[in-house]
Structure formats: C-alpha cells, structure tokens
Amino acid sequence: AKVRLLTDREREILIAIATGWTNPEIAE
C-alpha cells in the first residue's frame, strides 16, 4: 500500500536513498 503511494520519481529517489546516496549525489 505504501509503495503504491509513491510516484515513479519518488520510488527512484527511495532506491537512491537505500543505496546510500546523499542529496548532492542524487541530484547529480
């Protein structure tokens, strides 16, 4: 249910967070 609330971009951001990327790394 919670996963379905995420947009495709938000899902991508969550995976990036889980990978350990910082905000600047995600932005780049």
PDB file of all heavy atoms in Angstrom:
ATOM      1  N   ALA A   1       0.820  -1.209   0.000  1.00  0.00           N
ATOM      2  CA  ALA A   1       0.000   0.000   0.000  1.00  0.00           C
ATOM      3  C   ALA A   1       0.853   1.259   0.000  1.00  0.00           C
ATOM      4  O   ALA A   1       0.610   2.185  -0.773  1.00  0.00           O
ATOM      5  CB  ALA A   1      -0.940  -0.007   1.203  1.00  0.00           C
ATOM      6  N   LYS A   2       1.874   1.296   0.846  1.00  0.00           N
ATOM      7  CA  LYS A   2       2.726   2.484   0.908  1.00  0.00           C
ATOM      8  C   LYS A   2       3.526   2.656  -0.381  1.00  0.00           C
ATOM      9  O   LYS A   2       3.730   3.773  -0.846  1.00  0.00           O
ATOM     10  CB  LYS A   2       3.665   2.392   2.110  1.00  0.00           C
ATOM     11  CG  LYS A   2       2.969   2.576   3.446  1.00  0.00           C
ATOM     12  CD  LYS A   2       3.967   2.527   4.577  1.00  0.00           C
ATOM     13  CE  LYS A   2       3.281   2.699   5.921  1.00  0.00           C
ATOM     14  NZ  LYS A   2       4.255   2.623   7.039  1.00  0.00           N
ATOM     15  N   VAL A   3       4.001   1.568  -0.944  1.00  0.00           N
ATOM     16  CA  VAL A   3       4.765   1.651  -2.185  1.00  0.00           C
ATOM     17  C   VAL A   3       3.914   2.238  -3.299  1.00  0.00           C
ATOM     18  O   VAL A   3       4.394   3.036  -4.108  1.00  0.00           O
ATOM     19  CB  VAL A   3       5.290   0.260  -2.594  1.00  0.00           C
ATOM     20  CG1 VAL A   3       5.954   0.314  -3.954  1.00  0.00           C
ATOM     21  CG2 VAL A   3       6.282  -0.248  -1.565  1.00  0.00           C
ATOM     22  N   ARG A   4       2.650   1.853  -3.352  1.00  0.00           N
ATOM     23  CA  ARG A   4       1.761   2.356  -4.407  1.00  0.00           C
ATOM     24  C   ARG A   4       1.504   3.844  -4.284  1.00  0.00           C
ATOM     25  O   ARG A   4       1.062   4.487  -5.248  1.00  0.00           O
ATOM     26  CB  ARG A   4       0.443   1.583  -4.385  1.00  0.00           C
ATOM     27  CG  ARG A   4       0.559   0.141  -4.895  1.00  0.00           C
ATOM     28  CD  ARG A   4      -0.816  -0.409  -5.248  1.00  0.00           C
ATOM     29  NE  ARG A   4      -1.690  -0.451  -4.079  1.00  0.00           N
ATOM     30  CZ  ARG A   4      -1.812  -1.508  -3.273  1.00  0.00           C
ATOM     31  NH1 ARG A   4      -1.086  -2.592  -3.500  1.00  0.00           N
ATOM     32  NH2 ARG A   4      -2.630  -1.481  -2.248  1.00  0.00           N
ATOM     33  N   LEU A   5       1.754   4.424  -3.113  1.00  0.00           N
ATOM     34  CA  LEU A   5       1.577   5.863  -2.940  1.00  0.00           C
ATOM     35  C   LEU A   5       2.681   6.666  -3.619  1.00  0.00           C
ATOM     36  O   LEU A   5       2.529   7.849  -3.876  1.00  0.00           O
ATOM     37  CB  LEU A   5       1.552   6.216  -1.447  1.00  0.00           C
ATOM     38  CG  LEU A   5       0.366   5.710  -0.625  1.00  0.00           C
ATOM     39  CD1 LEU A   5       0.567   6.054   0.842  1.00  0.00           C
ATOM     40  CD2 LEU A   5      -0.942   6.302  -1.144  1.00  0.00           C
ATOM     41  N   LEU A   6       3.796   6.011  -3.897  1.00  0.00           N
ATOM     42  CA  LEU A   6       4.946   6.713  -4.467  1.00  0.00           C
ATOM     43  C   LEU A   6       4.801   6.887  -5.972  1.00  0.00           C
ATOM     44  O   LEU A   6       4.377   5.971  -6.682  1.00  0.00           O
ATOM     45  CB  LEU A   6       6.230   5.942  -4.176  1.00  0.00           C
ATOM     46  CG  LEU A   6       6.592   5.682  -2.710  1.00  0.00           C
ATOM     47  CD1 LEU A   6       7.866   4.851  -2.628  1.00  0.00           C
ATOM     48  CD2 LEU A   6       6.758   6.986  -1.948  1.00  0.00           C
ATOM     49  N   THR A   7       5.191   8.060  -6.463  1.00  0.00           N
ATOM     50  CA  THR A   7       5.296   8.248  -7.900  1.00  0.00           C
ATOM     51  C   THR A   7       6.537   7.513  -8.400  1.00  0.00           C
ATOM     52  O   THR A   7       7.370   7.066  -7.601  1.00  0.00           O
ATOM     53  CB  THR A   7       5.417   9.734  -8.247  1.00  0.00           C
ATOM     54  OG1 THR A   7       6.662  10.229  -7.727  1.00  0.00           O
ATOM     55  CG2 THR A   7       4.265  10.539  -7.642  1.00  0.00           C
ATOM     56  N   ASP A   8       6.677   7.394  -9.709  1.00  0.00           N
ATOM     57  CA  ASP A   8       7.860   6.738 -10.260  1.00  0.00           C
ATOM     58  C   ASP A   8       9.134   7.452  -9.821  1.00  0.00           C
ATOM     59  O   ASP A   8      10.130   6.806  -9.476  1.00  0.00           O
ATOM     60  CB  ASP A   8       7.787   6.710 -11.787  1.00  0.00           C
ATOM     61  CG  ASP A   8       6.730   5.741 -12.305  1.00  0.00           C
ATOM     62  OD1 ASP A   8       6.285   4.870 -11.522  1.00  0.00           O
ATOM     63  OD2 ASP A   8       6.346   5.858 -13.483  1.00  0.00           O
ATOM     64  N   ARG A   9       9.105   8.772  -9.822  1.00  0.00           N
ATOM     65  CA  ARG A   9      10.283   9.534  -9.405  1.00  0.00           C
ATOM     66  C   ARG A   9      10.572   9.313  -7.930  1.00  0.00           C
ATOM     67  O   ARG A   9      11.729   9.152  -7.522  1.00  0.00           O
ATOM     68  CB  ARG A   9      10.087  11.021  -9.688  1.00  0.00           C
ATOM     69  CG  ARG A   9      11.208  11.925  -9.172  1.00  0.00           C
ATOM     70  CD  ARG A   9      12.533  11.582  -9.850  1.00  0.00           C
ATOM     71  NE  ARG A   9      12.639  12.229 -11.149  1.00  0.00           N
ATOM     72  CZ  ARG A   9      13.660  12.066 -11.980  1.00  0.00           C
ATOM     73  NH1 ARG A   9      14.648  11.234 -11.646  1.00  0.00           N
ATOM     74  NH2 ARG A   9      13.702  12.696 -13.146  1.00  0.00           N
ATOM     75  N   GLU A  10       9.530   9.308  -7.084  1.00  0.00           N
ATOM     76  CA  GLU A  10       9.727   9.092  -5.652  1.00  0.00           C
ATOM     77  C   GLU A  10      10.257   7.693  -5.369  1.00  0.00           C
ATOM     78  O   GLU A  10      11.083   7.501  -4.475  1.00  0.00           O
ATOM     79  CB  GLU A  10       8.412   9.338  -4.913  1.00  0.00           C
ATOM     80  CG  GLU A  10       8.007  10.812  -4.880  1.00  0.00           C
ATOM     81  CD  GLU A  10       6.571  11.030  -4.456  1.00  0.00           C
ATOM     82  OE1 GLU A  10       5.816  10.031  -4.345  1.00  0.00           O
ATOM     83  OE2 GLU A  10       6.189  12.186  -4.246  1.00  0.00           O
ATOM     84  N   ARG A  11       9.796   6.728  -6.128  1.00  0.00           N
ATOM     85  CA  ARG A  11      10.312   5.367  -5.986  1.00  0.00           C
ATOM     86  C   ARG A  11      11.803   5.341  -6.334  1.00  0.00           C
ATOM     87  O   ARG A  11      12.599   4.684  -5.654  1.00  0.00           O
ATOM     88  CB  ARG A  11       9.525   4.437  -6.911  1.00  0.00           C
ATOM     89  CG  ARG A  11       9.829   2.962  -6.768  1.00  0.00           C
ATOM     90  CD  ARG A  11       9.039   2.183  -7.812  1.00  0.00           C
ATOM     91  NE  ARG A  11       9.262   0.760  -7.726  1.00  0.00           N
ATOM     92  CZ  ARG A  11       8.479  -0.083  -7.086  1.00  0.00           C
ATOM     93  NH1 ARG A  11       7.409   0.360  -6.469  1.00  0.00           N
ATOM     94  NH2 ARG A  11       8.755  -1.378  -7.064  1.00  0.00           N
ATOM     95  N   GLU A  12      12.166   6.064  -7.382  1.00  0.00           N
ATOM     96  CA  GLU A  12      13.558   6.165  -7.794  1.00  0.00           C
ATOM     97  C   GLU A  12      14.398   6.828  -6.696  1.00  0.00           C
ATOM     98  O   GLU A  12      15.519   6.402  -6.407  1.00  0.00           O
ATOM     99  CB  GLU A  12      13.639   6.970  -9.088  1.00  0.00           C
ATOM    100  CG  GLU A  12      14.965   6.941  -9.789  1.00  0.00           C
ATOM    101  CD  GLU A  12      14.926   7.666 -11.116  1.00  0.00           C
ATOM    102  OE1 GLU A  12      14.029   8.526 -11.316  1.00  0.00           O
ATOM    103  OE2 GLU A  12      15.795   7.391 -11.965  1.00  0.00           O
ATOM    104  N   ILE A  13      13.836   7.862  -6.084  1.00  0.00           N
ATOM    105  CA  ILE A  13      14.527   8.559  -5.001  1.00  0.00           C
ATOM    106  C   ILE A  13      14.716   7.624  -3.811  1.00  0.00           C
ATOM    107  O   ILE A  13      15.789   7.593  -3.188  1.00  0.00           O
ATOM    108  CB  ILE A  13      13.733   9.806  -4.568  1.00  0.00           C
ATOM    109  CG1 ILE A  13      13.712  10.864  -5.680  1.00  0.00           C
ATOM    110  CG2 ILE A  13      14.307  10.397  -3.277  1.00  0.00           C
ATOM    111  CD1 ILE A  13      15.038  11.534  -5.950  1.00  0.00           C
ATOM    112  N   LEU A  14      13.694   6.834  -3.478  1.00  0.00           N
ATOM    113  CA  LEU A  14      13.795   5.906  -2.355  1.00  0.00           C
ATOM    114  C   LEU A  14      14.903   4.884  -2.598  1.00  0.00           C
ATOM    115  O   LEU A  14      15.680   4.572  -1.694  1.00  0.00           O
ATOM    116  CB  LEU A  14      12.458   5.203  -2.123  1.00  0.00           C
ATOM    117  CG  LEU A  14      12.437   4.127  -1.020  1.00  0.00           C
ATOM    118  CD1 LEU A  14      12.900   4.702   0.313  1.00  0.00           C
ATOM    119  CD2 LEU A  14      11.043   3.524  -0.894  1.00  0.00           C
ATOM    120  N   ILE A  15      14.981   4.368  -3.807  1.00  0.00           N
ATOM    121  CA  ILE A  15      16.046   3.414  -4.128  1.00  0.00           C
ATOM    122  C   ILE A  15      17.408   4.074  -4.003  1.00  0.00           C
ATOM    123  O   ILE A  15      18.368   3.476  -3.499  1.00  0.00           O
ATOM    124  CB  ILE A  15      15.836   2.840  -5.544  1.00  0.00           C
ATOM    125  CG1 ILE A  15      14.569   1.979  -5.585  1.00  0.00           C
ATOM    126  CG2 ILE A  15      17.049   2.017  -5.977  1.00  0.00           C
ATOM    127  CD1 ILE A  15      14.174   1.528  -6.967  1.00  0.00           C
ATOM    128  N   ALA A  16      17.509   5.327  -4.430  1.00  0.00           N
ATOM    129  CA  ALA A  16      18.768   6.054  -4.321  1.00  0.00           C
ATOM    130  C   ALA A  16      19.157   6.258  -2.857  1.00  0.00           C
ATOM    131  O   ALA A  16      20.333   6.116  -2.481  1.00  0.00           O
ATOM    132  CB  ALA A  16      18.660   7.409  -5.030  1.00  0.00           C
ATOM    133  N   ILE A  17      18.180   6.569  -2.012  1.00  0.00           N
ATOM    134  CA  ILE A  17      18.438   6.719  -0.582  1.00  0.00           C
ATOM    135  C   ILE A  17      18.946   5.404  -0.004  1.00  0.00           C
ATOM    136  O   ILE A  17      19.910   5.363   0.760  1.00  0.00           O
ATOM    137  CB  ILE A  17      17.159   7.167   0.159  1.00  0.00           C
ATOM    138  CG1 ILE A  17      16.757   8.580  -0.251  1.00  0.00           C
ATOM    139  CG2 ILE A  17      17.362   7.102   1.680  1.00  0.00           C
ATOM    140  CD1 ILE A  17      15.409   9.015   0.300  1.00  0.00           C
ATOM    141  N   ALA A  18      18.294   4.309  -0.393  1.00  0.00           N
ATOM    142  CA  ALA A  18      18.671   2.992   0.114  1.00  0.00           C
ATOM    143  C   ALA A  18      20.064   2.593  -0.348  1.00  0.00           C
ATOM    144  O   ALA A  18      20.752   1.819   0.320  1.00  0.00           O
ATOM    145  CB  ALA A  18      17.644   1.947  -0.323  1.00  0.00           C
ATOM    146  N   THR A  19      20.480   3.117  -1.490  1.00  0.00           N
ATOM    147  CA  THR A  19      21.818   2.850  -1.997  1.00  0.00           C
ATOM    148  C   THR A  19      22.875   3.580  -1.178  1.00  0.00           C
ATOM    149  O   THR A  19      24.045   3.208  -1.181  1.00  0.00           O
ATOM    150  CB  THR A  19      21.914   3.281  -3.478  1.00  0.00           C
ATOM    151  OG1 THR A  19      20.927   2.571  -4.230  1.00  0.00           O
ATOM    152  CG2 THR A  19      23.282   2.984  -4.060  1.00  0.00           C
ATOM    153  N   GLY A  20      22.450   4.625  -0.465  1.00  0.00           N
ATOM    154  CA  GLY A  20      23.373   5.382   0.358  1.00  0.00           C
ATOM    155  C   GLY A  20      23.810   6.687  -0.257  1.00  0.00           C
ATOM    156  O   GLY A  20      24.742   7.332   0.223  1.00  0.00           O
ATOM    157  N   TRP A  21      23.132   7.113  -1.326  1.00  0.00           N
ATOM    158  CA  TRP A  21      23.499   8.371  -1.966  1.00  0.00           C
ATOM    159  C   TRP A  21      23.038   9.559  -1.121  1.00  0.00           C
ATOM    160  O   TRP A  21      21.954   9.552  -0.535  1.00  0.00           O
ATOM    161  CB  TRP A  21      22.856   8.483  -3.341  1.00  0.00           C
ATOM    162  CG  TRP A  21      23.369   7.499  -4.343  1.00  0.00           C
ATOM    163  CD1 TRP A  21      24.396   6.609  -4.190  1.00  0.00           C
ATOM    164  CD2 TRP A  21      22.859   7.284  -5.666  1.00  0.00           C
ATOM    165  NE1 TRP A  21      24.556   5.867  -5.318  1.00  0.00           N
ATOM    166  CE2 TRP A  21      23.637   6.249  -6.247  1.00  0.00           C
ATOM    167  CE3 TRP A  21      21.832   7.857  -6.408  1.00  0.00           C
ATOM    168  CZ2 TRP A  21      23.417   5.786  -7.539  1.00  0.00           C
ATOM    169  CZ3 TRP A  21      21.601   7.401  -7.691  1.00  0.00           C
ATOM    170  CH2 TRP A  21      22.381   6.383  -8.252  1.00  0.00           C
ATOM    171  N   THR A  22      23.860  10.588  -1.069  1.00  0.00           N
ATOM    172  CA  THR A  22      23.498  11.845  -0.423  1.00  0.00           C
ATOM    173  C   THR A  22      22.625  12.653  -1.374  1.00  0.00           C
ATOM    174  O   THR A  22      22.526  12.340  -2.571  1.00  0.00           O
ATOM    175  CB  THR A  22      24.739  12.657  -0.066  1.00  0.00           C
ATOM    176  OG1 THR A  22      25.436  12.995  -1.281  1.00  0.00           O
ATOM    177  CG2 THR A  22      25.681  11.864   0.847  1.00  0.00           C
ATOM    178  N   ASN A  23      22.013  13.734  -0.874  1.00  0.00           N
ATOM    179  CA  ASN A  23      21.203  14.591  -1.747  1.00  0.00           C
ATOM    180  C   ASN A  23      22.008  15.141  -2.928  1.00  0.00           C
ATOM    181  O   ASN A  23      21.517  15.131  -4.066  1.00  0.00           O
ATOM    182  CB  ASN A  23      20.577  15.730  -0.942  1.00  0.00           C
ATOM    183  CG  ASN A  23      19.370  15.267  -0.152  1.00  0.00           C
ATOM    184  OD1 ASN A  23      19.030  14.083  -0.166  1.00  0.00           O
ATOM    185  ND2 ASN A  23      18.724  16.184   0.553  1.00  0.00           N
ATOM    186  N   PRO A  24      23.238  15.643  -2.717  1.00  0.00           N
ATOM    187  CA  PRO A  24      24.019  16.117  -3.871  1.00  0.00           C
ATOM    188  C   PRO A  24      24.299  15.016  -4.891  1.00  0.00           C
ATOM    189  O   PRO A  24      24.272  15.256  -6.104  1.00  0.00           O
ATOM    190  CB  PRO A  24      25.315  16.630  -3.237  1.00  0.00           C
ATOM    191  CG  PRO A  24      24.914  17.029  -1.854  1.00  0.00           C
ATOM    192  CD  PRO A  24      23.898  16.000  -1.450  1.00  0.00           C
ATOM    193  N   GLU A  25      24.560  13.798  -4.397  1.00  0.00           N
ATOM    194  CA  GLU A  25      24.807  12.682  -5.321  1.00  0.00           C
ATOM    195  C   GLU A  25      23.555  12.334  -6.107  1.00  0.00           C
ATOM    196  O   GLU A  25      23.614  12.072  -7.315  1.00  0.00           O
ATOM    197  CB  GLU A  25      25.294  11.460  -4.547  1.00  0.00           C
ATOM    198  CG  GLU A  25      26.707  11.596  -4.013  1.00  0.00           C
ATOM    199  CD  GLU A  25      27.112  10.432  -3.122  1.00  0.00           C
ATOM    200  OE1 GLU A  25      26.252   9.883  -2.416  1.00  0.00           O
ATOM    201  OE2 GLU A  25      28.306  10.080  -3.139  1.00  0.00           O
ATOM    202  N   ILE A  26      22.403  12.339  -5.427  1.00  0.00           N
ATOM    203  CA  ILE A  26      21.148  12.063  -6.128  1.00  0.00           C
ATOM    204  C   ILE A  26      20.882  13.132  -7.182  1.00  0.00           C
ATOM    205  O   ILE A  26      20.493  12.833  -8.315  1.00  0.00           O
ATOM    206  CB  ILE A  26      19.969  12.003  -5.132  1.00  0.00           C
ATOM    207  CG1 ILE A  26      20.141  10.824  -4.162  1.00  0.00           C
ATOM    208  CG2 ILE A  26      18.634  11.864  -5.876  1.00  0.00           C
ATOM    209  CD1 ILE A  26      19.109  10.783  -3.058  1.00  0.00           C
ATOM    210  N   ALA A  27      21.112  14.387  -6.804  1.00  0.00           N
ATOM    211  CA  ALA A  27      20.883  15.491  -7.734  1.00  0.00           C
ATOM    212  C   ALA A  27      21.752  15.353  -8.986  1.00  0.00           C
ATOM    213  O   ALA A  27      21.274  15.513 -10.116  1.00  0.00           O
ATOM    214  CB  ALA A  27      21.174  16.824  -7.039  1.00  0.00           C
ATOM    215  N   GLU A  28      23.016  15.016  -8.776  1.00  0.00           N
ATOM    216  CA  GLU A  28      23.938  14.900  -9.910  1.00  0.00           C
ATOM    217  C   GLU A  28      23.568  13.722 -10.809  1.00  0.00           C
ATOM    218  O   GLU A  28      23.531  13.852 -12.043  1.00  0.00           O
ATOM    219  CB  GLU A  28      25.365  14.732  -9.393  1.00  0.00           C
ATOM    220  CG  GLU A  28      26.399  14.564 -10.501  1.00  0.00           C
ATOM    221  CD  GLU A  28      27.804  14.371  -9.966  1.00  0.00           C
ATOM    222  OE1 GLU A  28      27.977  14.423  -8.720  1.00  0.00           O
ATOM    223  OE2 GLU A  28      28.725  14.155 -10.783  1.00  0.00           O
TER     224      GLU A  28
END
